[in-house]
C-alpha atoms as a PDB file:
ATOM      1  CA  GLN A   1      12.250 -10.797  11.962  1.00  0.00           C
ATOM      2  CA  VAL A   2      10.745  -8.381   9.465  1.00  0.00           C
ATOM      3  CA  GLN A   3       6.971  -8.650   9.249  1.00  0.00           C
ATOM      4  CA  PHE A   4       4.206  -6.811   7.417  1.00  0.00           C
ATOM      5  CA  VAL A   5       0.527  -7.280   8.234  1.00  0.00           C
ATOM      6  CA  GLU A   6      -1.878  -5.703   5.752  1.00  0.00           C
ATOM      7  CA  SER A   7      -5.598  -5.215   6.354  1.00  0.00           C
ATOM      8  CA  GLY A   8      -8.604  -3.202   5.243  1.00  0.00           C
ATOM      9  CA  GLY A   9      -9.355  -4.757   1.878  1.00  0.00           C
ATOM     10  CA  GLY A  10     -12.736  -5.937   0.715  1.00  0.00           C
ATOM     11  CA  LEU A  11     -15.383  -5.817  -1.977  1.00  0.00           C
ATOM     12  CA  VAL A  12     -16.422  -2.327  -3.058  1.00  0.00           C
ATOM     13  CA  GLN A  13     -18.459  -0.891  -5.900  1.00  0.00           C
ATOM     14  CA  PRO A  14     -16.844   1.295  -8.563  1.00  0.00           C
ATOM     15  CA  GLY A  15     -16.498   4.825  -7.231  1.00  0.00           C
ATOM     16  CA  GLY A  16     -16.223   3.626  -3.662  1.00  0.00           C
ATOM     17  CA  SER A  17     -13.443   4.028  -1.110  1.00  0.00           C
ATOM     18  CA  LEU A  18     -11.287   1.854   1.109  1.00  0.00           C
ATOM     19  CA  ARG A  19      -8.514   2.543   3.593  1.00  0.00           C
ATOM     20  CA  LEU A  20      -5.751  -0.017   3.831  1.00  0.00           C
ATOM     21  CA  SER A  21      -3.410  -0.384   6.789  1.00  0.00           C
ATOM     22  CA  CYS A  22      -0.049  -2.110   7.119  1.00  0.00           C
ATOM     23  CA  VAL A  23       1.585  -2.700  10.487  1.00  0.00           C
ATOM     24  CA  ALA A  24       5.319  -3.294  10.201  1.00  0.00           C
ATOM     25  CA  SER A  25       7.738  -4.808  12.715  1.00  0.00           C
ATOM     26  CA  GLY A  26      11.283  -6.101  12.986  1.00  0.00           C
ATOM     27  CA  PHE A  27      13.090  -2.989  11.740  1.00  0.00           C
ATOM     28  CA  ALA A  28      13.402   0.726  12.545  1.00  0.00           C
ATOM     29  CA  PHE A  29      10.195   1.805  10.843  1.00  0.00           C
ATOM     30  CA  HIS A  30      10.750   5.535  11.272  1.00  0.00           C
ATOM     31  CA  VAL A  31      14.051   5.393   9.369  1.00  0.00           C
ATOM     32  CA  PHE A  32      12.715   3.800   6.211  1.00  0.00           C
ATOM     33  CA  ALA A  33      10.597   5.022   3.342  1.00  0.00           C
ATOM     34  CA  MET A  34       7.497   2.877   2.910  1.00  0.00           C
ATOM     35  CA  SER A  35       5.700   1.774  -0.234  1.00  0.00           C
ATOM     36  CA  TRP A  36       2.491   0.087  -1.288  1.00  0.00           C
ATOM     37  CA  TYR A  37       2.431  -2.453  -4.096  1.00  0.00           C
ATOM     38  CA  ARG A  38      -0.352  -4.432  -5.750  1.00  0.00           C
ATOM     39  CA  GLN A  39      -0.633  -7.588  -7.789  1.00  0.00           C
ATOM     40  CA  PRO A  40      -3.641  -7.774 -10.110  1.00  0.00           C
ATOM     41  CA  PRO A  41      -4.912 -11.235 -11.066  1.00  0.00           C
ATOM     42  CA  GLY A  42      -2.520 -12.925 -13.491  1.00  0.00           C
ATOM     43  CA  LYS A  43      -0.082 -10.000 -13.494  1.00  0.00           C
ATOM     44  CA  GLU A  44       3.200  -8.976 -11.910  1.00  0.00           C
ATOM     45  CA  ARG A  45       3.401  -7.038  -8.695  1.00  0.00           C
ATOM     46  CA  GLU A  46       3.566  -3.282  -9.334  1.00  0.00           C
ATOM     47  CA  LEU A  47       4.414  -0.196  -7.327  1.00  0.00           C
ATOM     48  CA  VAL A  48       1.452   1.932  -6.266  1.00  0.00           C
ATOM     49  CA  ALA A  49       2.847   4.621  -3.948  1.00  0.00           C
ATOM     50  CA  SER A  50       5.900   5.525  -1.875  1.00  0.00           C
ATOM     51  CA  MET A  51       6.419   7.861   1.054  1.00  0.00           C
ATOM     52  CA  SER A  52       9.752   9.012   2.483  1.00  0.00           C
ATOM     53  CA  SER A  53      10.611   8.697   6.152  1.00  0.00           C
ATOM     54  CA  ALA A  54      10.971  12.396   6.944  1.00  0.00           C
ATOM     55  CA  ASN A  55       9.964  15.699   5.327  1.00  0.00           C
ATOM     56  CA  PRO A  56       7.433  13.492   3.688  1.00  0.00           C
ATOM     57  CA  ILE A  57       7.806  13.147  -0.039  1.00  0.00           C
ATOM     58  CA  LYS A  58       5.162  11.077  -1.802  1.00  0.00           C
ATOM     59  CA  GLU A  59       5.159   9.532  -5.247  1.00  0.00           C
ATOM     60  CA  TYR A  60       2.329   7.704  -6.977  1.00  0.00           C
ATOM     61  CA  ALA A  61       1.858   5.512 -10.002  1.00  0.00           C
ATOM     62  CA  ASP A  62       0.188   7.450 -12.810  1.00  0.00           C
ATOM     63  CA  SER A  63      -2.822   5.141 -12.640  1.00  0.00           C
ATOM     64  CA  VAL A  64      -3.659   6.152  -9.047  1.00  0.00           C
ATOM     65  CA  THR A  65      -2.523   9.780  -8.900  1.00  0.00           C
ATOM     66  CA  GLY A  66      -5.291  12.004  -7.598  1.00  0.00           C
ATOM     67  CA  ARG A  67      -7.283   9.039  -6.233  1.00  0.00           C
ATOM     68  CA  PHE A  68      -4.978   7.352  -3.709  1.00  0.00           C
ATOM     69  CA  THR A  69      -3.137   8.892  -0.740  1.00  0.00           C
ATOM     70  CA  ILE A  70      -0.317   7.280   1.212  1.00  0.00           C
ATOM     71  CA  SER A  71       0.323   8.291   4.816  1.00  0.00           C
ATOM     72  CA  ARG A  72       2.106   6.913   7.867  1.00  0.00           C
ATOM     73  CA  ASP A  73       2.066   6.982  11.658  1.00  0.00           C
ATOM     74  CA  ASN A  74       5.575   6.331  12.944  1.00  0.00           C
ATOM     75  CA  ALA A  75       4.324   5.984  16.522  1.00  0.00           C
ATOM     76  CA  LYS A  76       2.228   3.001  15.408  1.00  0.00           C
ATOM     77  CA  ASN A  77       4.674   1.558  12.843  1.00  0.00           C
ATOM     78  CA  THR A  78       1.812   1.780  10.390  1.00  0.00           C
ATOM     79  CA  VAL A  79       1.463   2.935   6.796  1.00  0.00           C
ATOM     80  CA  TYR A  80      -1.918   3.637   5.233  1.00  0.00           C
ATOM     81  CA  LEU A  81      -3.356   3.823   1.737  1.00  0.00           C
ATOM     82  CA  GLN A  82      -6.557   5.801   1.296  1.00  0.00           C
ATOM     83  CA  MET A  83      -8.168   4.751  -1.962  1.00  0.00           C
ATOM     84  CA  ASN A  84     -10.973   6.828  -3.436  1.00  0.00           C
ATOM     85  CA  SER A  85     -12.866   6.666  -6.734  1.00  0.00           C
ATOM     86  CA  LEU A  86     -12.007   3.006  -7.052  1.00  0.00           C
ATOM     87  CA  ARG A  87     -12.145   1.350 -10.461  1.00  0.00           C
ATOM     88  CA  PRO A  88     -12.413  -2.294 -11.495  1.00  0.00           C
ATOM     89  CA  GLU A  89      -8.782  -2.141 -12.670  1.00  0.00           C
ATOM     90  CA  ASP A  90      -7.743  -1.448  -9.066  1.00  0.00           C
ATOM     91  CA  THR A  91      -8.709  -5.030  -8.208  1.00  0.00           C
ATOM     92  CA  ALA A  92      -5.584  -6.684  -6.799  1.00  0.00           C
ATOM     93  CA  VAL A  93      -3.886  -8.005  -3.697  1.00  0.00           C
ATOM     94  CA  TYR A  94      -2.219  -5.054  -1.984  1.00  0.00           C
ATOM     95  CA  TYR A  95       1.084  -5.323  -0.101  1.00  0.00           C
ATOM     96  CA  CYS A  96       3.403  -2.960   1.727  1.00  0.00           C
ATOM     97  CA  ASN A  97       7.169  -3.041   2.129  1.00  0.00           C
ATOM     98  CA  ALA A  98       9.911  -0.735   3.294  1.00  0.00           C
ATOM     99  CA  GLY A  99      11.968   1.217   0.790  1.00  0.00           C
ATOM    100  CA  TRP A 100      11.577   3.994  -1.757  1.00  0.00           C
ATOM    101  CA  GLN A 101       9.963   2.672  -4.941  1.00  0.00           C
ATOM    102  CA  ARG A 102      11.565  -0.747  -4.563  1.00  0.00           C
ATOM    103  CA  PRO A 103      11.230  -3.320  -1.781  1.00  0.00           C
ATOM    104  CA  GLU A 104      13.880  -3.120   0.913  1.00  0.00           C
ATOM    105  CA  PHE A 105      13.150  -6.577   2.270  1.00  0.00           C
ATOM    106  CA  GLY A 106      12.465  -9.920   0.663  1.00  0.00           C
ATOM    107  CA  ASP A 107       9.827 -10.676   3.275  1.00  0.00           C
ATOM    108  CA  TRP A 108       6.245  -9.935   2.254  1.00  0.00           C
ATOM    109  CA  GLY A 109       3.013 -10.093   4.201  1.00  0.00           C
ATOM    110  CA  GLN A 110      -0.079 -11.996   3.168  1.00  0.00           C
ATOM    111  CA  GLY A 111      -1.497  -8.921   1.489  1.00  0.00           C
ATOM    112  CA  THR A 112      -5.077  -7.710   1.535  1.00  0.00           C
ATOM    113  CA  GLN A 113      -7.504  -8.381  -1.302  1.00  0.00           C
ATOM    114  CA  VAL A 114      -9.282  -5.439  -2.906  1.00  0.00           C
ATOM    115  CA  THR A 115     -12.069  -6.249  -5.335  1.00  0.00           C
ATOM    116  CA  VAL A 116     -13.869  -3.474  -7.199  1.00  0.00           C
ATOM    117  CA  SER A 117     -17.013  -4.747  -8.828  1.00  0.00           C
ATOM    118  CA  SER A 118     -20.676  -3.914  -9.211  1.00  0.00           C
END
């Protein structure tokens, strides 16, 4: 059974930082690209960042380029999202899934809430 467990969200002031983690299970993690998505309040889920499985290639949404960094630890089946210089518009529930720029699986985790507010 495919499972994603996201963590690391919270309330942070504008300009602050957070590091999100997503532990994946139920599939061969090291084979798949991994991506982070987010769903702002009242909006559709959107792609934030993707990272390939090998010879790491990374792609970011224009809105987060230069502020967010995706990384992974295949030994821990974990993908990370380092978020710096956070803005109120980054407020959303953040999710991970396998796949390059589109979700490989229909299963989603519970997500982790990020709120950027003073």
